[in-house]
C-alpha atoms as a PDB file:
ATOM      1  CA  MET A   1      98.849 114.577 110.294  1.00  0.00           C
ATOM      2  CA  THR A   2     100.210 111.297 109.146  1.00  0.00           C
ATOM      3  CA  LYS A   3     102.210 111.536 105.817  1.00  0.00           C
ATOM      4  CA  PRO A   4     102.335 108.677 103.450  1.00  0.00           C
ATOM      5  CA  CYS A   5     105.433 106.931 103.014  1.00  0.00           C
ATOM      6  CA  GLU A   6     107.970 108.311 100.469  1.00  0.00           C
ATOM      7  CA  GLY A   7     108.217 105.923  97.525  1.00  0.00           C
ATOM      8  CA  LYS A   8     105.254 103.928  98.132  1.00  0.00           C
ATOM      9  CA  THR A   9     102.211 104.120  95.370  1.00  0.00           C
ATOM     10  CA  LEU A  10      99.341 105.853  96.616  1.00  0.00           C
ATOM     11  CA  SER A  11      96.653 103.268  96.336  1.00  0.00           C
ATOM     12  CA  LEU A  12      94.624 101.045  98.628  1.00  0.00           C
ATOM     13  CA  VAL A  13      96.494  97.826  98.156  1.00  0.00           C
ATOM     14  CA  ALA A  14      95.065  94.137  99.398  1.00  0.00           C
ATOM     15  CA  GLU A  15      97.843  91.240  99.052  1.00  0.00           C
ATOM     16  CA  GLN A  16      97.377  87.638  99.335  1.00  0.00           C
ATOM     17  CA  LEU A  17      94.407  87.872 102.120  1.00  0.00           C
ATOM     18  CA  HIS A  18      93.416  84.964 103.768  1.00  0.00           C
ATOM     19  CA  CYS A  19      90.198  85.342 106.127  1.00  0.00           C
ATOM     20  CA  ARG A  20      88.320  82.598 107.839  1.00  0.00           C
ATOM     21  CA  ALA A  21      85.261  82.074 110.072  1.00  0.00           C
ATOM     22  CA  GLY A  22      85.616  79.350 112.468  1.00  0.00           C
ATOM     23  CA  GLU A  23      86.933  76.527 109.768  1.00  0.00           C
ATOM     24  CA  ARG A  24      85.256  78.016 106.908  1.00  0.00           C
ATOM     25  CA  SER A  25      87.486  80.137 104.681  1.00  0.00           C
ATOM     26  CA  LEU A  26      86.091  83.171 103.596  1.00  0.00           C
ATOM     27  CA  LEU A  27      89.010  84.728 101.524  1.00  0.00           C
ATOM     28  CA  HIS A  28      91.933  82.867 100.061  1.00  0.00           C
ATOM     29  CA  GLU A  29      94.969  84.438  98.912  1.00  0.00           C
ATOM     30  CA  VAL A  30      93.184  87.371  97.321  1.00  0.00           C
ATOM     31  CA  SER A  31      94.813  90.574  96.164  1.00  0.00           C
ATOM     32  CA  LEU A  32      93.604  93.652  94.577  1.00  0.00           C
ATOM     33  CA  ARG A  33      94.497  97.221  94.363  1.00  0.00           C
ATOM     34  CA  LEU A  34      92.235 100.217  94.196  1.00  0.00           C
ATOM     35  CA  THR A  35      93.992 103.049  92.355  1.00  0.00           C
ATOM     36  CA  PRO A  36      92.822 106.994  92.971  1.00  0.00           C
ATOM     37  CA  GLY A  37      90.766 108.048  89.820  1.00  0.00           C
ATOM     38  CA  GLU A  38      89.059 104.820  89.009  1.00  0.00           C
ATOM     39  CA  VAL A  39      85.979 102.594  89.766  1.00  0.00           C
ATOM     40  CA  HIS A  40      86.641  99.273  90.788  1.00  0.00           C
ATOM     41  CA  ALA A  41      83.892  96.938  90.671  1.00  0.00           C
ATOM     42  CA  VAL A  42      83.685  93.615  92.486  1.00  0.00           C
ATOM     43  CA  LEU A  43      80.985  91.005  91.373  1.00  0.00           C
ATOM     44  CA  GLY A  44      80.416  87.547  92.370  1.00  0.00           C
ATOM     45  CA  PRO A  45      77.669  85.243  93.793  1.00  0.00           C
ATOM     46  CA  ASN A  46      75.919  85.151  97.216  1.00  0.00           C
ATOM     47  CA  GLY A  47      78.988  83.992  99.849  1.00  0.00           C
ATOM     48  CA  ALA A  48      81.688  84.750  97.376  1.00  0.00           C
ATOM     49  CA  GLY A  49      83.525  86.759 100.046  1.00  0.00           C
ATOM     50  CA  LYS A  50      82.832  90.176  98.371  1.00  0.00           C
ATOM     51  CA  SER A  51      81.784  91.760 101.566  1.00  0.00           C
ATOM     52  CA  THR A  52      84.517  90.120 103.673  1.00  0.00           C
ATOM     53  CA  LEU A  53      86.966  91.883 101.120  1.00  0.00           C
ATOM     54  CA  LEU A  54      85.373  95.202 101.663  1.00  0.00           C
ATOM     55  CA  LYS A  55      85.528  94.752 105.489  1.00  0.00           C
ATOM     56  CA  ALA A  56      89.055  93.918 105.134  1.00  0.00           C
ATOM     57  CA  LEU A  57      90.123  97.017 103.018  1.00  0.00           C
ATOM     58  CA  SER A  58      88.158  99.332 105.275  1.00  0.00           C
ATOM     59  CA  GLY A  59      89.932  98.145 108.604  1.00  0.00           C
ATOM     60  CA  GLU A  60      86.916  96.424 109.983  1.00  0.00           C
ATOM     61  CA  LEU A  61      88.160  93.070 109.393  1.00  0.00           C
ATOM     62  CA  ARG A  62      91.787  91.880 110.186  1.00  0.00           C
ATOM     63  CA  PRO A  63      92.439  89.159 108.003  1.00  0.00           C
ATOM     64  CA  GLN A  64      94.528  85.802 109.307  1.00  0.00           C
ATOM     65  CA  ALA A  65      97.342  86.337 106.877  1.00  0.00           C
ATOM     66  CA  GLY A  66      98.237  89.100 104.089  1.00  0.00           C
ATOM     67  CA  ARG A  67      98.432  92.679 104.319  1.00  0.00           C
ATOM     68  CA  VAL A  68      96.495  95.982 103.528  1.00  0.00           C
ATOM     69  CA  GLU A  69      97.932  99.217 102.791  1.00  0.00           C
ATOM     70  CA  LEU A  70      96.474 102.630 102.527  1.00  0.00           C
ATOM     71  CA  ASN A  71      98.791 104.988 100.551  1.00  0.00           C
ATOM     72  CA  GLY A  72     101.746 103.128 101.455  1.00  0.00           C
ATOM     73  CA  GLN A  73     101.015 102.956 105.522  1.00  0.00           C
ATOM     74  CA  ALA A  74      99.700  99.422 106.715  1.00  0.00           C
ATOM     75  CA  LEU A  75      95.868 100.095 107.234  1.00  0.00           C
ATOM     76  CA  ASP A  76      95.879  98.504 110.899  1.00  0.00           C
ATOM     77  CA  ALA A  77      98.797 101.018 112.169  1.00  0.00           C
ATOM     78  CA  MET A  78      96.928 103.967 111.225  1.00  0.00           C
ATOM     79  CA  PRO A  79      95.155 105.845 113.917  1.00  0.00           C
ATOM     80  CA  PRO A  80      91.157 105.491 113.564  1.00  0.00           C
ATOM     81  CA  ARG A  81      90.522 109.112 112.725  1.00  0.00           C
ATOM     82  CA  GLU A  82      92.946 109.418 110.231  1.00  0.00           C
ATOM     83  CA  ARG A  83      92.059 106.142 108.544  1.00  0.00           C
ATOM     84  CA  ALA A  84      88.288 107.457 108.453  1.00  0.00           C
ATOM     85  CA  ARG A  85      89.663 110.704 106.789  1.00  0.00           C
ATOM     86  CA  HIS A  86      91.003 108.896 104.082  1.00  0.00           C
ATOM     87  CA  ARG A  87      88.327 106.119 103.194  1.00  0.00           C
ATOM     88  CA  ALA A  88      84.456 106.542 103.639  1.00  0.00           C
ATOM     89  CA  VAL A  89      82.561 102.946 103.833  1.00  0.00           C
ATOM     90  CA  LEU A  90      78.761 102.343 102.858  1.00  0.00           C
ATOM     91  CA  PRO A  91      77.880  99.150 104.602  1.00  0.00           C
ATOM     92  CA  GLN A  92      75.467  96.673 103.077  1.00  0.00           C
ATOM     93  CA  LEU A  93      73.362  97.313 106.189  1.00  0.00           C
ATOM     94  CA  ASP A  94      71.620  99.876 107.530  1.00  0.00           C
ATOM     95  CA  ARG A  95      70.986  99.904 111.502  1.00  0.00           C
ATOM     96  CA  LEU A  96      70.289 103.584 112.075  1.00  0.00           C
ATOM     97  CA  ARG A  97      66.951 103.568 113.846  1.00  0.00           C
ATOM     98  CA  PHE A  98      67.019 107.020 115.724  1.00  0.00           C
ATOM     99  CA  GLY A  99      64.656 109.900 114.632  1.00  0.00           C
ATOM    100  CA  PHE A 100      67.188 112.315 113.275  1.00  0.00           C
ATOM    101  CA  LYS A 101      66.697 114.382 110.479  1.00  0.00           C
ATOM    102  CA  ALA A 102      68.287 113.476 107.040  1.00  0.00           C
ATOM    103  CA  GLU A 103      70.944 116.541 107.303  1.00  0.00           C
ATOM    104  CA  GLN A 104      72.114 115.173 110.894  1.00  0.00           C
ATOM    105  CA  VAL A 105      72.730 111.848 109.483  1.00  0.00           C
ATOM    106  CA  VAL A 106      74.981 113.203 106.533  1.00  0.00           C
ATOM    107  CA  SER A 107      76.667 115.497 108.810  1.00  0.00           C
ATOM    108  CA  MET A 108      77.693 112.704 111.227  1.00  0.00           C
ATOM    109  CA  GLY A 109      80.059 111.644 108.151  1.00  0.00           C
ATOM    110  CA  ARG A 110      82.284 115.140 108.922  1.00  0.00           C
ATOM    111  CA  GLN A 111      83.128 113.614 112.751  1.00  0.00           C
ATOM    112  CA  PRO A 112      86.487 112.492 111.490  1.00  0.00           C
ATOM    113  CA  CYS A 113      87.359 115.346 109.258  1.00  0.00           C
ATOM    114  CA  LEU A 114      89.252 118.170 109.801  1.00  0.00           C
ATOM    115  CA  ARG A 115      86.204 120.863 110.728  1.00  0.00           C
ATOM    116  CA  HIS A 116      86.074 124.244 109.575  1.00  0.00           C
ATOM    117  CA  GLY A 117      83.231 127.002 110.809  1.00  0.00           C
ATOM    118  CA  PRO A 118      79.499 126.031 110.919  1.00  0.00           C
ATOM    119  CA  ALA A 119      78.548 128.190 107.711  1.00  0.00           C
ATOM    120  CA  ARG A 120      80.956 125.854 105.805  1.00  0.00           C
ATOM    121  CA  GLU A 121      80.556 122.541 107.431  1.00  0.00           C
ATOM    122  CA  ARG A 122      76.540 123.110 106.675  1.00  0.00           C
ATOM    123  CA  GLU A 123      77.679 123.804 103.108  1.00  0.00           C
ATOM    124  CA  ILE A 124      79.750 120.424 102.570  1.00  0.00           C
ATOM    125  CA  VAL A 125      76.517 118.462 104.354  1.00  0.00           C
ATOM    126  CA  LEU A 126      73.952 120.083 101.913  1.00  0.00           C
ATOM    127  CA  SER A 127      76.101 119.895  98.883  1.00  0.00           C
ATOM    128  CA  ALA A 128      76.843 116.032  99.699  1.00  0.00           C
ATOM    129  CA  LEU A 129      72.999 115.782  99.806  1.00  0.00           C
ATOM    130  CA  ASP A 130      72.652 117.514  96.452  1.00  0.00           C
ATOM    131  CA  ALA A 131      75.502 115.064  94.931  1.00  0.00           C
ATOM    132  CA  ALA A 132      73.255 112.154  96.311  1.00  0.00           C
ATOM    133  CA  GLY A 133      70.021 113.750  94.841  1.00  0.00           C
ATOM    134  CA  VAL A 134      68.436 113.915  98.447  1.00  0.00           C
ATOM    135  CA  ARG A 135      68.604 117.834  99.037  1.00  0.00           C
ATOM    136  CA  ALA A 136      64.720 117.759  99.256  1.00  0.00           C
ATOM    137  CA  LEU A 137      65.074 115.264 102.301  1.00  0.00           C
ATOM    138  CA  ALA A 138      67.383 117.248 104.403  1.00  0.00           C
ATOM    139  CA  GLN A 139      64.636 118.044 107.174  1.00  0.00           C
ATOM    140  CA  ARG A 140      62.747 114.904 106.917  1.00  0.00           C
ATOM    141  CA  ARG A 141      63.192 112.361 109.912  1.00  0.00           C
ATOM    142  CA  TYR A 142      65.268 109.537 108.997  1.00  0.00           C
ATOM    143  CA  THR A 143      62.689 106.688 110.198  1.00  0.00           C
ATOM    144  CA  THR A 144      60.075 108.191 107.956  1.00  0.00           C
ATOM    145  CA  LEU A 145      62.317 107.829 104.691  1.00  0.00           C
ATOM    146  CA  SER A 146      61.615 104.882 102.384  1.00  0.00           C
ATOM    147  CA  GLY A 147      64.398 102.127 102.066  1.00  0.00           C
ATOM    148  CA  GLY A 148      65.736 103.711  98.978  1.00  0.00           C
ATOM    149  CA  GLU A 149      65.567 107.159 100.357  1.00  0.00           C
ATOM    150  CA  ARG A 150      67.680 105.948 103.318  1.00  0.00           C
ATOM    151  CA  ALA A 151      70.220 104.635 101.183  1.00  0.00           C
ATOM    152  CA  ARG A 152      70.759 107.562  99.415  1.00  0.00           C
ATOM    153  CA  VAL A 153      70.816 109.607 102.461  1.00  0.00           C
ATOM    154  CA  GLN A 154      74.046 107.396 103.779  1.00  0.00           C
ATOM    155  CA  PHE A 155      75.415 107.423 100.428  1.00  0.00           C
ATOM    156  CA  ALA A 156      75.621 111.454 101.070  1.00  0.00           C
ATOM    157  CA  ARG A 157      77.106 110.819 104.410  1.00  0.00           C
ATOM    158  CA  VAL A 158      80.149 108.869 102.989  1.00  0.00           C
ATOM    159  CA  LEU A 159      80.508 111.493 100.463  1.00  0.00           C
ATOM    160  CA  ALA A 160      80.407 114.193 103.139  1.00  0.00           C
ATOM    161  CA  GLN A 161      83.334 112.111 104.991  1.00  0.00           C
ATOM    162  CA  ILE A 162      85.673 112.102 101.820  1.00  0.00           C
ATOM    163  CA  TRP A 163      84.325 115.845 100.394  1.00  0.00           C
ATOM    164  CA  GLU A 164      87.706 117.660 100.397  1.00  0.00           C
ATOM    165  CA  PRO A 165      91.144 116.494  99.215  1.00  0.00           C
ATOM    166  CA  LEU A 166      93.422 116.405 101.690  1.00  0.00           C
ATOM    167  CA  PRO A 167      97.407 116.946 101.575  1.00  0.00           C
ATOM    168  CA  SER A 168      98.293 113.317 103.150  1.00  0.00           C
ATOM    169  CA  GLY A 169      97.214 111.338 100.330  1.00  0.00           C
ATOM    170  CA  PRO A 170      94.121 110.348  98.114  1.00  0.00           C
ATOM    171  CA  ARG A 171      90.464 109.311  99.156  1.00  0.00           C
ATOM    172  CA  TYR A 172      88.928 106.195  98.942  1.00  0.00           C
ATOM    173  CA  LEU A 173      84.995 105.337  98.631  1.00  0.00           C
ATOM    174  CA  LEU A 174      84.137 101.790  99.476  1.00  0.00           C
ATOM    175  CA  LEU A 175      80.541 100.988  98.937  1.00  0.00           C
ATOM    176  CA  ASP A 176      78.909  97.511  99.552  1.00  0.00           C
ATOM    177  CA  GLU A 177      75.866  96.812  97.295  1.00  0.00           C
ATOM    178  CA  PRO A 178      75.076 100.600  97.025  1.00  0.00           C
ATOM    179  CA  THR A 179      72.460 100.066  94.533  1.00  0.00           C
ATOM    180  CA  ALA A 180      70.523  97.030  95.948  1.00  0.00           C
ATOM    181  CA  SER A 181      67.634  98.960  97.243  1.00  0.00           C
ATOM    182  CA  LEU A 182      67.447 101.777  94.229  1.00  0.00           C
ATOM    183  CA  ASP A 183      65.167 102.006  91.431  1.00  0.00           C
ATOM    184  CA  LEU A 184      66.624 102.091  88.124  1.00  0.00           C
ATOM    185  CA  ALA A 185      67.108 105.929  87.830  1.00  0.00           C
ATOM    186  CA  HIS A 186      68.744 106.395  90.897  1.00  0.00           C
ATOM    187  CA  GLN A 187      70.912 103.278  90.567  1.00  0.00           C
ATOM    188  CA  HIS A 188      72.379 105.148  87.336  1.00  0.00           C
ATOM    189  CA  HIS A 189      72.448 108.386  89.395  1.00  0.00           C
ATOM    190  CA  LEU A 190      74.604 106.828  92.185  1.00  0.00           C
ATOM    191  CA  MET A 191      76.885 105.247  89.693  1.00  0.00           C
ATOM    192  CA  THR A 192      77.310 108.523  87.569  1.00  0.00           C
ATOM    193  CA  THR A 193      78.034 110.726  91.008  1.00  0.00           C
ATOM    194  CA  ALA A 194      80.963 107.717  91.973  1.00  0.00           C
ATOM    195  CA  ARG A 195      82.288 108.245  88.646  1.00  0.00           C
ATOM    196  CA  ARG A 196      82.562 111.969  89.078  1.00  0.00           C
ATOM    197  CA  PHE A 197      84.315 111.614  92.505  1.00  0.00           C
ATOM    198  CA  ALA A 198      86.777 108.940  90.858  1.00  0.00           C
ATOM    199  CA  ALA A 199      87.077 112.080  88.130  1.00  0.00           C
ATOM    200  CA  ASN A 200      88.310 114.202  91.070  1.00  0.00           C
ATOM    201  CA  GLY A 201      90.785 111.688  92.326  1.00  0.00           C
ATOM    202  CA  VAL A 202      88.695 109.424  94.562  1.00  0.00           C
ATOM    203  CA  GLY A 203      89.357 105.557  94.315  1.00  0.00           C
ATOM    204  CA  VAL A 204      86.094 104.051  94.203  1.00  0.00           C
ATOM    205  CA  LEU A 205      85.455 100.329  95.229  1.00  0.00           C
ATOM    206  CA  ALA A 206      81.614  99.188  94.281  1.00  0.00           C
ATOM    207  CA  VAL A 207      80.740  95.928  95.132  1.00  0.00           C
ATOM    208  CA  LEU A 208      77.642  95.093  93.021  1.00  0.00           C
ATOM    209  CA  HIS A 209      75.305  92.661  91.780  1.00  0.00           C
ATOM    210  CA  ASP A 210      74.055  93.731  88.493  1.00  0.00           C
ATOM    211  CA  PRO A 211      76.929  93.319  85.795  1.00  0.00           C
ATOM    212  CA  ASN A 212      75.668  95.598  83.451  1.00  0.00           C
ATOM    213  CA  LEU A 213      76.364  98.422  85.971  1.00  0.00           C
ATOM    214  CA  ALA A 214      79.878  97.115  86.309  1.00  0.00           C
ATOM    215  CA  LEU A 215      80.084  96.886  82.688  1.00  0.00           C
ATOM    216  CA  ARG A 216      78.983 100.268  82.095  1.00  0.00           C
ATOM    217  CA  TYR A 217      80.799 102.439  84.865  1.00  0.00           C
ATOM    218  CA  ALA A 218      83.738 100.410  86.163  1.00  0.00           C
ATOM    219  CA  ASP A 219      87.335 100.744  85.053  1.00  0.00           C
ATOM    220  CA  ARG A 220      88.408  97.706  86.509  1.00  0.00           C
ATOM    221  CA  VAL A 221      86.647  94.662  87.569  1.00  0.00           C
ATOM    222  CA  SER A 222      87.176  91.775  89.615  1.00  0.00           C
ATOM    223  CA  LEU A 223      85.225  88.379  89.606  1.00  0.00           C
ATOM    224  CA  LEU A 224      85.214  86.497  93.373  1.00  0.00           C
ATOM    225  CA  ARG A 225      83.713  83.084  93.715  1.00  0.00           C
ATOM    226  CA  ASP A 226      84.276  80.896  96.779  1.00  0.00           C
ATOM    227  CA  GLY A 227      86.730  83.306  98.242  1.00  0.00           C
ATOM    228  CA  ARG A 228      89.074  83.346  95.066  1.00  0.00           C
ATOM    229  CA  VAL A 229      89.515  86.288  92.647  1.00  0.00           C
ATOM    230  CA  LEU A 230      88.456  84.179  89.275  1.00  0.00           C
ATOM    231  CA  ALA A 231      89.696  87.154  87.157  1.00  0.00           C
ATOM    232  CA  GLY A 232      90.538  90.799  87.107  1.00  0.00           C
ATOM    233  CA  GLY A 233      90.994  93.672  84.579  1.00  0.00           C
ATOM    234  CA  THR A 234      89.057  96.014  82.371  1.00  0.00           C
ATOM    235  CA  PRO A 235      85.220  95.210  82.017  1.00  0.00           C
ATOM    236  CA  THR A 236      85.684  94.037  78.361  1.00  0.00           C
ATOM    237  CA  ALA A 237      88.483  91.986  78.804  1.00  0.00           C
ATOM    238  CA  VAL A 238      87.001  90.069  82.077  1.00  0.00           C
ATOM    239  CA  MET A 239      83.313  89.923  81.494  1.00  0.00           C
ATOM    240  CA  ASP A 240      82.741  87.750  78.847  1.00  0.00           C
ATOM    241  CA  ALA A 241      80.650  84.760  78.301  1.00  0.00           C
ATOM    242  CA  ALA A 242      82.768  82.233  79.730  1.00  0.00           C
ATOM    243  CA  HIS A 243      84.126  84.262  82.649  1.00  0.00           C
ATOM    244  CA  LEU A 244      80.566  84.926  83.593  1.00  0.00           C
ATOM    245  CA  HIS A 245      79.428  81.080  83.168  1.00  0.00           C
ATOM    246  CA  ARG A 246      82.260  80.414  85.472  1.00  0.00           C
ATOM    247  CA  LEU A 247      81.158  83.112  87.907  1.00  0.00           C
ATOM    248  CA  TYR A 248      77.314  82.505  88.171  1.00  0.00           C
ATOM    249  CA  GLY A 249      76.758  78.880  86.492  1.00  0.00           C
ATOM    250  CA  ILE A 250      74.545  80.524  84.080  1.00  0.00           C
ATOM    251  CA  GLU A 251      74.892  81.059  80.248  1.00  0.00           C
ATOM    252  CA  VAL A 252      74.693  84.902  78.812  1.00  0.00           C
ATOM    253  CA  ASP A 253      75.126  86.642  75.771  1.00  0.00           C
ATOM    254  CA  ILE A 254      76.755  89.665  75.141  1.00  0.00           C
ATOM    255  CA  ILE A 255      74.922  92.235  72.939  1.00  0.00           C
ATOM    256  CA  GLN A 256      76.664  94.803  71.400  1.00  0.00           C
ATOM    257  CA  VAL A 257      75.377  98.196  71.552  1.00  0.00           C
ATOM    258  CA  PRO A 258      76.725 101.186  69.742  1.00  0.00           C
ATOM    259  CA  GLY A 259      78.561 103.688  71.439  1.00  0.00           C
ATOM    260  CA  GLN A 260      78.528 101.407  74.832  1.00  0.00           C
ATOM    261  CA  ARG A 261      80.609  98.439  75.939  1.00  0.00           C
ATOM    262  CA  GLY A 262      77.580  96.209  75.522  1.00  0.00           C
ATOM    263  CA  TRP A 263      74.839  94.388  77.488  1.00  0.00           C
ATOM    264  CA  ILE A 264      74.792  91.447  79.557  1.00  0.00           C
ATOM    265  CA  VAL A 265      71.662  89.105  78.978  1.00  0.00           C
ATOM    266  CA  PRO A 266      71.271  86.060  80.902  1.00  0.00           C
ATOM    267  CA  ARG A 267      69.680  82.964  78.598  1.00  0.00           C
ATOM    268  CA  THR A 268      67.083  80.861  80.033  1.00  0.00           C
ATOM    269  CA  PRO A 269      66.317  77.171  79.490  1.00  0.00           C
ATOM    270  CA  GLY A 270      65.438  76.918  76.060  1.00  0.00           C
ATOM    271  CA  ASP A 271      67.149  79.892  74.413  1.00  0.00           C
ATOM    272  CA  THR A 272      69.681  79.629  71.799  1.00  0.00           C
ATOM    273  CA  ALA A 273      72.738  81.464  71.174  1.00  0.00           C
ATOM    274  CA  SER A 274      72.211  85.020  69.426  1.00  0.00           C
ATOM    275  CA  ASP A 275      74.492  85.599  66.760  1.00  0.00           C
END
């Protein structure tokens, strides 16, 4: 098994990334560090480059300039199986159209892992289904599930992929709009589960559209617009009315809630600022 380079910081790092599609710049001088044990949210309007950044961090897309390192190693130099043991990716789009049972879909996440006997492997798969709140769907055909149910099964799959700690370094969970098709309760269940994995040493990066989810669950936030990082830092430092106006082009109010970080409310035409 490949070992991380001694003296290197154990994290997932992107430095000065440039990505292009033809003549169009998708990312320009983007840097980001995902630290084990934290939830890092990426926010931005449509077309900001969020999914491109996640693809570069996962190794699916090779940037034209800049570098990505995973636990001190150049990501593009790592064997694909070793890379897959350390980071799991939940894509935005679900293209699976075969009639597998949900349990079989989750077991696909175990393919790159150091495998155990059948009993232990099934235990991990069922535990991942439990963690995602879809144990009751284990024997259902994937093609019969609703969009939200499929999203939760796919979340269980990536959890199964990084279920166990590795001696060669920390694990990472990369989630591209994981709450997009979920109802309110399941959005918070997924983010709570992501926080629980972070508490166990996993670095979690989540591309989100709801700034309130980022404000509530993230340890760090990066704001991305037009392929550039507009701001980065703690949620309360970064997600103020001025930054969010620059990010989305709308006025917002930050309502203070006792015991929480606040609540972001967009203004509609005719609204006046709250006290």
